[in-house]
Amino acid sequence: MKQLKVLTTFEHRRIEITEKFSVIPENPTITRKQAEELEEVLKARKLNCCEFGASSVKFSQYVGIIRFSSWTLEILPKVDGINDQEQVRHYLVNMLKQTQNMSVKQFGVAGLNMKHNDLLEIYASIFCKNLIEQLRKGVIKQYQTQEDNLSVVRGRILLPQQIRMNLMHPEKVYCTFDEFCEDNAYNQLLKAALVILQKNIRTANTQQMIRELLFVFSEVTDVSVKRLLQQELLLTRLVIRFEDSFAIAKIILQGLNPDFSVGKQKFFTLLFDMNVLFEDFIAVSIRKLLGSKVQTQKPCKYLLKTDDGKQLFQMRPDVTYNKGKDWILDTKWKLINTQENKMNISQADLYQMLAYAVRYDCQNIILLYPHHSKMGQKTGVIQQFEMQGAQNVNISTLTVATIDLAQTNHKTFQRYVNEQLESMLDAIMNRNNTDINMAGT
């Protein structure tokens, strides 16, 4: 299969638009035609994550892969202190591994070539390895209702069809029956993801795995992507071991361009919102530290209530502890500036935190940002403020904190993150003499 040139860039870094296409890491460039292709993709995806200038483009917020017919664009997150593409891929895959959307338990990232493979190749390899491991324990089979014109009775006879089709053929019986087979919605989803990957993956080892997996699903019906994305799959105890594979398969299907349903694949995308990914990663990490008292996007409360009792403007904090009684934490994938009095904190974010403090009657509100080198070496609690109400009464403490994600040793990345979170939460709660029992890293 033809190898596509991969242009790798980082969010917030400009890509110059010139007459030539270049994938040189120090100075990547795209042509005007490629810029137009990129704009078409983002418009189709309804994503406002790229700033198009007269002579350059710049990505923000979203990272991942956009695969065109003749080239590939890879956008990596900007992690302050790490410029090596291989290390950043490790960092990103480690974050994805921890989140609920991609809980890759069996294989992690061990053995994956982060230097010479882009994110899609890595993601596809993880998907295939996970799927192969589960299929060794057995393919998903279900009873499916079938209808057929048979020589012997099976199940029950459908009289209307029997009279219509077999009046002149008494040797036949038209029956409906249940058959225990592999052609079911679960396997149809997995097969569809494999078919898409087969068209987009270039690595020989991964292509071999895809071919072997498609052979396993050779008796499974091809179903439209639109239909597969609309259906809800019930995760019973018999299929729960495929949960990771189902989640990744849906992400792969969502990456297709809208024209794919009519056989025209112009592009394929695998993009992640860093705001959501950072939030999910921190939430999962804290839940593993503190246990069941940690909730994400809960409890939900409303700011307003109408005369007839209808509630409006729902509030969903990123992370709460003890239903928001002890603390509420909100993540922001932004850079703050400790040299300024207001630290470059958004006024809208402050209003949001004040609303949490009042509505949840919470004494500790935490704003957590990614750390960067201009702030010095200190991470964790950066500064604390008193949030004031009427008559200047202090109603809550706002803690601005950071977490350093620039761990060059990917094998100890999660432990490094856990230690920072534990230290930060200890410092905040000890200030108010509130005890949190750590469940362990």
Protein backbone atom coordinates (compact mmCIF):
# COMPACT_ATOMS: atom_id res chain seq x y z
CA MET A 1 0.00 0.00 0.00
CA LYS A 2 1.28 3.46 -0.88
CA GLN A 3 2.86 5.29 2.05
CA LEU A 4 1.35 8.72 2.60
CA LYS A 5 3.55 11.58 3.73
CA VAL A 6 2.69 12.58 7.31
CA LEU A 7 2.96 16.20 8.38
CA THR A 8 3.24 16.35 12.17
CA THR A 9 2.63 19.59 14.02
CA PHE A 10 1.71 20.76 17.53
CA GLU A 11 -1.34 22.72 18.61
CA HIS A 12 -0.74 26.50 18.66
CA ARG A 13 2.11 26.13 16.15
CA ARG A 14 1.67 27.77 12.75
CA ILE A 15 1.96 25.84 9.49
CA GLU A 16 3.02 28.07 6.63
CA ILE A 17 1.07 27.98 3.33
CA THR A 18 3.55 27.95 0.44
CA GLU A 19 3.92 26.54 -3.07
CA LYS A 20 5.45 23.30 -1.78
CA PHE A 21 4.37 20.60 0.65
CA SER A 22 7.05 19.83 3.27
CA VAL A 23 6.97 17.54 6.31
CA ILE A 24 10.28 18.76 7.76
CA PRO A 25 9.56 18.99 11.54
CA GLU A 26 11.35 22.33 11.98
CA ASN A 27 9.45 24.05 9.16
CA PRO A 28 6.39 22.11 7.90
CA THR A 29 4.46 23.71 5.03
CA ILE A 30 1.30 22.95 3.05
CA THR A 31 0.04 24.17 -0.30
CA ARG A 32 -2.98 26.37 -0.87
CA LYS A 33 -4.89 23.35 -2.21
CA GLN A 34 -4.13 21.37 0.94
CA ALA A 35 -5.26 24.29 3.10
CA GLU A 36 -8.56 24.28 1.20
CA GLU A 37 -8.86 20.50 1.76
CA LEU A 38 -8.29 21.04 5.47
CA GLU A 39 -10.91 23.78 5.62
CA GLU A 40 -13.39 21.47 3.86
CA VAL A 41 -12.80 18.71 6.41
CA LEU A 42 -13.25 20.97 9.42
CA LYS A 43 -16.39 22.48 7.90
CA ALA A 44 -17.83 18.99 7.34
CA ARG A 45 -16.96 18.07 10.93
CA LYS A 46 -18.36 21.40 12.20
CA LEU A 47 -15.15 22.05 14.11
CA ASN A 48 -13.86 25.54 14.83
CA CYS A 49 -10.38 24.49 15.92
CA CYS A 50 -8.13 25.97 13.24
CA GLU A 51 -7.21 29.57 12.58
CA PHE A 52 -6.85 30.17 8.83
CA GLY A 53 -4.65 33.15 7.99
CA ALA A 54 -3.57 34.57 4.66
CA SER A 55 -0.32 32.58 4.70
CA SER A 56 -0.61 30.10 7.57
CA VAL A 57 -2.91 27.86 9.62
CA LYS A 58 -2.82 27.12 13.35
CA PHE A 59 -4.61 24.43 15.35
CA SER A 60 -5.89 24.74 18.90
CA GLN A 61 -7.94 22.58 21.28
CA TYR A 62 -8.17 19.48 19.03
CA VAL A 63 -5.41 16.92 18.50
CA GLY A 64 -5.27 13.73 16.46
CA ILE A 65 -5.20 12.64 12.81
CA ILE A 66 -6.77 13.81 9.56
CA ARG A 67 -6.12 11.34 6.72
CA PHE A 68 -6.56 12.71 3.21
CA SER A 69 -6.31 10.72 -0.01
CA SER A 70 -2.72 11.83 -0.67
CA TRP A 71 -1.35 13.05 2.69
CA THR A 72 -1.88 12.91 6.45
CA LEU A 73 -1.95 15.66 9.06
CA GLU A 74 -1.09 14.73 12.64
CA ILE A 75 -1.74 17.30 15.39
CA LEU A 76 -0.07 16.63 18.75
CA PRO A 77 -0.85 18.42 22.03
CA LYS A 78 1.52 21.18 23.09
CA VAL A 79 3.14 19.89 26.27
CA ASP A 80 5.45 22.52 27.66
CA GLY A 81 8.95 21.11 28.11
CA ILE A 82 8.53 18.25 25.60
CA ASN A 83 9.29 18.84 21.93
CA ASP A 84 10.04 15.26 20.96
CA GLN A 85 7.19 13.84 18.88
CA GLU A 86 7.70 10.29 20.14
CA GLN A 87 7.46 11.37 23.78
CA VAL A 88 4.35 13.45 23.14
CA ARG A 89 2.66 10.47 21.42
CA HIS A 90 3.46 8.36 24.49
CA TYR A 91 2.02 11.08 26.69
CA LEU A 92 -1.17 11.39 24.63
CA VAL A 93 -1.75 7.62 24.40
CA ASN A 94 -1.20 7.33 28.16
CA MET A 95 -3.91 9.95 28.72
CA LEU A 96 -6.26 8.18 26.30
CA LYS A 97 -5.56 4.86 27.99
CA GLN A 98 -6.71 6.23 31.35
CA THR A 99 -9.93 7.84 30.17
CA GLN A 100 -13.29 6.13 29.97
CA ASN A 101 -13.35 6.44 26.18
CA MET A 102 -10.31 4.24 25.67
CA SER A 103 -9.65 1.99 28.63
CA VAL A 104 -7.00 -0.22 27.04
CA LYS A 105 -6.32 -2.62 29.90
CA GLN A 106 -4.58 -5.59 28.35
CA PHE A 107 -1.88 -4.04 26.20
CA GLY A 108 -1.34 -0.45 27.20
CA VAL A 109 1.28 1.06 24.89
CA ALA A 110 4.02 -1.51 25.33
CA GLY A 111 5.69 -2.59 22.11
CA LEU A 112 4.20 0.18 19.97
CA ASN A 113 6.59 2.15 17.78
CA MET A 114 5.81 5.74 18.75
CA LYS A 115 8.59 7.23 16.66
CA HIS A 116 7.70 5.96 13.20
CA ASN A 117 3.91 5.59 13.50
CA ASP A 118 1.34 8.35 13.64
CA LEU A 119 -1.55 8.34 16.11
CA LEU A 120 -3.96 6.52 13.80
CA GLU A 121 -1.51 3.66 13.24
CA ILE A 122 -0.96 3.41 17.01
CA TYR A 123 -4.68 3.58 17.75
CA ALA A 124 -5.44 0.90 15.14
CA SER A 125 -2.75 -1.39 16.53
CA ILE A 126 -4.22 -1.12 20.04
CA PHE A 127 -7.71 -1.83 18.69
CA CYS A 128 -6.61 -4.91 16.73
CA LYS A 129 -4.54 -6.37 19.58
CA ASN A 130 -7.39 -5.90 22.05
CA LEU A 131 -9.86 -7.49 19.65
CA ILE A 132 -7.62 -10.47 18.91
CA GLU A 133 -7.17 -11.11 22.63
CA GLN A 134 -10.93 -11.18 23.22
CA LEU A 135 -11.70 -13.31 20.15
CA ARG A 136 -9.35 -15.98 21.46
CA LYS A 137 -11.90 -16.47 24.21
CA GLY A 138 -14.69 -16.81 21.67
CA VAL A 139 -16.67 -14.88 19.06
CA ILE A 140 -19.89 -13.19 20.12
CA LYS A 141 -22.88 -15.30 19.15
CA GLN A 142 -26.57 -14.55 19.59
CA TYR A 143 -29.89 -16.09 18.68
CA GLN A 144 -31.17 -14.33 15.57
CA THR A 145 -34.67 -14.78 14.12
CA GLN A 146 -34.45 -16.21 10.60
CA GLU A 147 -37.00 -17.00 7.88
CA ASP A 148 -36.42 -19.58 5.13
CA ASN A 149 -38.16 -21.96 2.74
CA LEU A 150 -37.02 -25.37 4.00
CA SER A 151 -37.44 -29.07 3.21
CA VAL A 152 -38.22 -29.91 6.85
CA VAL A 153 -40.03 -28.01 9.57
CA ARG A 154 -37.78 -25.90 11.78
CA GLY A 155 -39.23 -23.62 14.43
CA ARG A 156 -42.77 -22.74 13.34
CA ILE A 157 -44.50 -22.52 9.98
CA LEU A 158 -45.54 -19.08 8.70
CA LEU A 159 -48.93 -19.89 7.12
CA PRO A 160 -49.39 -16.72 5.01
CA GLN A 161 -45.96 -17.19 3.38
CA GLN A 162 -46.51 -20.96 3.07
CA ILE A 163 -49.77 -20.49 1.15
CA ARG A 164 -48.33 -17.73 -1.05
CA MET A 165 -45.04 -19.41 -1.91
CA ASN A 166 -45.57 -23.15 -1.58
CA LEU A 167 -49.09 -23.85 -2.85
CA MET A 168 -47.60 -25.72 -5.80
CA HIS A 169 -44.63 -27.05 -3.78
CA PRO A 170 -45.94 -29.29 -0.98
CA GLU A 171 -42.41 -30.58 -0.37
CA LYS A 172 -41.41 -27.13 1.03
CA VAL A 173 -42.30 -25.43 4.33
CA TYR A 174 -41.77 -21.74 5.01
CA CYS A 175 -40.54 -21.42 8.59
CA THR A 176 -39.34 -18.87 11.13
CA PHE A 177 -36.74 -20.04 13.61
CA ASP A 178 -33.97 -18.84 15.92
CA GLU A 179 -30.38 -19.55 14.94
CA PHE A 180 -27.33 -19.15 17.20
CA CYS A 181 -24.98 -17.24 14.90
CA GLU A 182 -22.19 -14.68 14.62
CA ASP A 183 -24.12 -12.28 12.39
CA ASN A 184 -25.30 -9.83 15.06
CA ALA A 185 -25.09 -6.11 15.82
CA TYR A 186 -21.98 -6.45 18.01
CA ASN A 187 -19.91 -8.16 15.34
CA GLN A 188 -21.31 -5.87 12.62
CA LEU A 189 -19.92 -2.86 14.54
CA LEU A 190 -16.49 -4.45 14.94
CA LYS A 191 -16.33 -5.52 11.29
CA ALA A 192 -17.29 -2.05 10.05
CA ALA A 193 -14.42 -0.50 12.06
CA LEU A 194 -11.99 -3.04 10.59
CA VAL A 195 -13.15 -2.28 7.03
CA ILE A 196 -12.53 1.43 7.61
CA LEU A 197 -9.09 0.81 9.09
CA GLN A 198 -8.15 -1.43 6.16
CA LYS A 199 -8.60 1.58 3.85
CA ASN A 200 -6.57 3.93 6.06
CA ILE A 201 -3.78 1.95 7.73
CA ARG A 202 -0.35 1.70 6.13
CA THR A 203 1.64 -0.38 8.64
CA ALA A 204 2.24 -3.94 7.39
CA ASN A 205 1.85 -5.62 10.80
CA THR A 206 -1.44 -3.87 11.50
CA GLN A 207 -2.72 -4.62 8.00
CA GLN A 208 -1.97 -8.31 8.60
CA MET A 209 -3.96 -8.24 11.85
CA ILE A 210 -6.86 -6.53 10.07
CA ARG A 211 -6.95 -9.18 7.34
CA GLU A 212 -6.95 -11.99 9.92
CA LEU A 213 -9.75 -10.32 11.87
CA LEU A 214 -11.87 -9.72 8.78
CA PHE A 215 -11.54 -13.41 7.96
CA VAL A 216 -13.03 -14.20 11.40
CA PHE A 217 -15.97 -11.90 10.57
CA SER A 218 -16.42 -13.16 6.99
CA GLU A 219 -19.95 -14.42 7.73
CA VAL A 220 -21.02 -11.13 9.31
CA THR A 221 -23.25 -8.81 7.25
CA ASP A 222 -21.94 -5.39 6.17
CA VAL A 223 -24.17 -2.69 7.66
CA SER A 224 -24.19 1.05 6.94
CA VAL A 225 -22.13 3.27 9.24
CA LYS A 226 -25.12 5.55 9.85
CA ARG A 227 -27.22 2.65 11.12
CA LEU A 228 -24.43 1.32 13.33
CA LEU A 229 -23.89 4.71 14.98
CA GLN A 230 -27.60 5.11 15.68
CA GLN A 231 -28.06 1.80 17.47
CA GLU A 232 -27.47 1.28 21.18
CA LEU A 233 -25.69 -1.93 22.17
CA LEU A 234 -26.61 -3.54 25.47
CA LEU A 235 -23.47 -4.56 27.35
CA THR A 236 -24.52 -7.87 28.90
CA ARG A 237 -22.21 -10.06 30.98
CA LEU A 238 -21.54 -12.16 27.86
CA VAL A 239 -20.15 -9.24 25.83
CA ILE A 240 -18.77 -6.89 28.50
CA ARG A 241 -15.21 -8.10 27.81
CA PHE A 242 -15.50 -6.41 24.37
CA GLU A 243 -16.41 -3.04 25.93
CA ASP A 244 -13.08 -1.42 25.00
CA SER A 245 -13.30 -2.70 21.43
CA PHE A 246 -16.86 -1.39 21.02
CA ALA A 247 -15.84 2.06 22.32
CA ILE A 248 -12.87 2.35 19.96
CA ALA A 249 -14.89 0.97 17.03
CA LYS A 250 -17.49 3.72 17.47
CA ILE A 251 -14.78 6.38 17.59
CA ILE A 252 -13.35 4.98 14.34
CA LEU A 253 -16.79 5.02 12.67
CA GLN A 254 -17.38 8.61 13.79
CA GLY A 255 -14.16 9.61 12.03
CA LEU A 256 -15.55 9.04 8.54
CA ASN A 257 -16.56 11.88 6.31
CA PRO A 258 -20.33 12.20 5.62
CA ASP A 259 -19.96 10.99 2.00
CA PHE A 260 -18.70 7.54 3.03
CA SER A 261 -22.21 6.11 3.14
CA VAL A 262 -22.39 6.50 -0.63
CA GLY A 263 -18.94 5.04 -1.20
CA LYS A 264 -16.82 8.19 -1.36
CA GLN A 265 -14.21 8.37 1.35
CA LYS A 266 -12.51 11.73 0.90
CA PHE A 267 -10.99 11.87 4.37
CA PHE A 268 -10.84 10.17 7.74
CA THR A 269 -10.48 11.94 11.09
CA LEU A 270 -9.50 10.80 14.55
CA LEU A 271 -9.63 13.98 16.63
CA PHE A 272 -9.80 14.51 20.37
CA ASP A 273 -10.91 17.64 22.20
CA MET A 274 -8.07 18.37 24.65
CA ASN A 275 -10.46 20.19 26.99
CA VAL A 276 -12.54 17.03 27.32
CA LEU A 277 -9.55 14.69 27.36
CA PHE A 278 -7.77 16.69 30.11
CA GLU A 279 -10.97 16.77 32.14
CA ASP A 280 -11.58 13.02 31.74
CA PHE A 281 -7.97 12.15 32.49
CA ILE A 282 -7.88 14.17 35.73
CA ALA A 283 -11.31 12.84 36.79
CA VAL A 284 -10.32 9.19 36.26
CA SER A 285 -6.99 9.71 38.04
CA ILE A 286 -8.62 11.32 41.08
CA ARG A 287 -11.31 8.64 41.23
CA LYS A 288 -8.62 5.97 41.41
CA LEU A 289 -6.95 7.90 44.23
CA LEU A 290 -9.98 8.70 46.35
CA GLY A 291 -12.55 6.05 45.51
CA SER A 292 -16.33 6.17 45.25
CA LYS A 293 -16.86 9.59 46.86
CA VAL A 294 -15.47 11.16 43.69
CA GLN A 295 -18.08 11.98 41.04
CA THR A 296 -17.73 13.42 37.55
CA GLN A 297 -20.33 15.76 36.07
CA LYS A 298 -22.37 15.17 39.23
CA PRO A 299 -24.38 16.03 41.24
CA CYS A 300 -26.38 18.12 38.77
CA LYS A 301 -28.10 21.24 40.08
CA TYR A 302 -29.92 24.15 38.44
CA LEU A 303 -29.39 27.89 38.79
CA LEU A 304 -32.94 29.05 38.06
CA LYS A 305 -36.48 27.90 38.74
CA THR A 306 -39.61 29.33 37.09
CA ASP A 307 -42.92 30.09 38.84
CA ASP A 308 -44.34 26.77 37.65
CA GLY A 309 -41.39 24.82 39.08
CA LYS A 310 -39.44 24.28 35.87
CA GLN A 311 -35.67 24.29 36.45
CA LEU A 312 -33.26 25.98 34.05
CA PHE A 313 -29.49 26.28 33.47
CA GLN A 314 -28.14 22.94 34.62
CA MET A 315 -24.76 22.91 36.36
CA ARG A 316 -22.39 19.93 35.95
CA PRO A 317 -19.05 20.33 37.78
CA ASP A 318 -16.09 18.44 36.31
CA VAL A 319 -15.16 16.63 39.55
CA THR A 320 -16.74 16.71 43.01
CA TYR A 321 -15.84 15.04 46.29
CA ASN A 322 -18.52 14.01 48.79
CA LYS A 323 -21.25 15.45 46.51
CA GLY A 324 -19.48 18.82 46.43
CA LYS A 325 -19.52 19.28 50.21
CA ASP A 326 -15.72 19.06 50.54
CA TRP A 327 -14.50 20.40 47.21
CA ILE A 328 -15.32 20.99 43.55
CA LEU A 329 -12.60 20.85 40.90
CA ASP A 330 -12.81 22.23 37.37
CA THR A 331 -10.13 21.65 34.72
CA LYS A 332 -9.08 24.18 32.08
CA TRP A 333 -6.80 23.32 29.14
CA LYS A 334 -5.34 26.84 29.11
CA LEU A 335 -2.10 28.53 30.11
CA ILE A 336 -2.15 30.92 33.05
CA ASN A 337 0.30 33.76 33.71
CA THR A 338 1.50 34.06 37.30
CA GLN A 339 3.19 37.39 36.49
CA GLU A 340 -0.23 39.09 36.24
CA ASN A 341 -2.51 39.85 39.16
CA LYS A 342 -5.47 38.15 37.48
CA MET A 343 -3.19 35.33 36.24
CA ASN A 344 -4.90 35.42 32.83
CA ILE A 345 -7.90 33.60 34.34
CA SER A 346 -11.06 34.04 32.32
CA GLN A 347 -13.74 36.18 33.98
CA ALA A 348 -16.37 33.74 32.67
CA ASP A 349 -14.54 30.89 34.44
CA LEU A 350 -14.57 32.87 37.70
CA TYR A 351 -18.32 33.49 37.43
CA GLN A 352 -18.77 29.76 36.87
CA MET A 353 -16.74 28.94 40.01
CA LEU A 354 -18.69 31.47 42.06
CA ALA A 355 -21.95 29.88 40.91
CA TYR A 356 -20.63 26.47 42.03
CA ALA A 357 -19.63 27.85 45.42
CA VAL A 358 -23.04 29.40 46.05
CA ARG A 359 -25.28 26.71 44.58
CA TYR A 360 -23.42 23.75 46.10
CA ASP A 361 -22.54 25.60 49.34
CA CYS A 362 -18.96 24.47 48.78
CA GLN A 363 -16.08 25.94 50.76
CA ASN A 364 -13.30 24.79 48.42
CA ILE A 365 -13.29 25.47 44.67
CA ILE A 366 -10.28 24.36 42.61
CA LEU A 367 -9.26 25.54 39.13
CA LEU A 368 -6.67 23.13 37.71
CA TYR A 369 -4.48 24.09 34.72
CA PRO A 370 -1.57 22.40 32.90
CA HIS A 371 1.79 23.59 34.22
CA HIS A 372 4.33 25.34 31.98
CA SER A 373 7.99 26.32 32.29
CA LYS A 374 7.43 30.08 32.62
CA MET A 375 5.80 29.41 36.00
CA GLY A 376 8.98 27.91 37.45
CA GLN A 377 9.34 24.41 38.87
CA LYS A 378 6.63 24.57 41.54
CA THR A 379 3.41 22.72 40.69
CA GLY A 380 0.27 22.09 42.73
CA VAL A 381 -1.24 25.03 44.63
CA ILE A 382 -0.14 28.27 42.96
CA GLN A 383 -2.34 30.78 44.74
CA GLN A 384 -5.51 30.90 46.83
CA PHE A 385 -8.17 33.61 46.87
CA GLU A 386 -11.19 34.28 49.04
CA MET A 387 -14.42 34.53 47.05
CA GLN A 388 -16.55 37.27 48.54
CA GLY A 389 -20.28 37.74 48.87
CA ALA A 390 -22.51 40.43 50.39
CA GLN A 391 -20.87 42.72 52.99
CA ASN A 392 -17.52 41.26 51.84
CA VAL A 393 -18.21 38.01 53.63
CA ASN A 394 -15.94 35.19 52.46
CA ILE A 395 -18.12 32.44 51.00
CA SER A 396 -15.48 30.10 49.58
CA THR A 397 -11.76 29.60 48.91
CA LEU A 398 -10.69 29.51 45.28
CA THR A 399 -7.49 27.55 44.69
CA VAL A 400 -5.59 28.00 41.44
CA ALA A 401 -3.39 24.96 40.88
CA THR A 402 -1.36 23.37 38.10
CA ILE A 403 -0.25 19.86 37.20
CA ASP A 404 2.92 19.04 35.30
CA LEU A 405 2.30 16.65 32.40
CA ALA A 406 5.81 16.92 30.95
CA GLN A 407 7.10 13.62 32.30
CA THR A 408 9.69 12.32 29.86
CA ASN A 409 9.59 8.80 31.32
CA HIS A 410 6.27 7.51 29.99
CA LYS A 411 6.49 4.36 32.14
CA THR A 412 6.16 6.40 35.35
CA PHE A 413 3.81 9.02 33.86
CA GLN A 414 0.67 7.99 35.77
CA ARG A 415 2.48 7.63 39.09
CA TYR A 416 3.97 11.10 38.58
CA VAL A 417 0.50 12.54 37.95
CA ASN A 418 -1.00 10.73 40.97
CA GLU A 419 1.70 12.04 43.31
CA GLN A 420 1.00 15.61 42.21
CA LEU A 421 -2.77 15.26 42.61
CA GLU A 422 -2.41 13.69 46.06
CA SER A 423 -0.02 16.40 47.23
CA MET A 424 -2.25 19.18 45.86
CA LEU A 425 -5.46 17.87 47.45
CA ASP A 426 -3.67 17.25 50.77
CA ALA A 427 -2.42 20.84 50.81
CA ILE A 428 -5.86 22.26 50.04
CA MET A 429 -7.79 20.15 52.53
CA ASN A 430 -5.21 20.40 55.33
CA ARG A 431 -5.60 24.15 55.11
CA ASN A 432 -9.22 23.67 56.17
CA ASN A 433 -8.56 20.71 58.52
CA THR A 434 -10.54 18.34 56.27
CA ASP A 435 -9.27 14.80 56.13
CA ILE A 436 -9.25 12.86 52.88
CA ASN A 437 -8.36 9.19 53.03
CA MET A 438 -6.30 8.31 50.02
CA ALA A 439 -7.19 4.96 48.48
CA GLY A 440 -3.62 4.54 47.17
CA THR A 441 -2.06 5.10 43.83
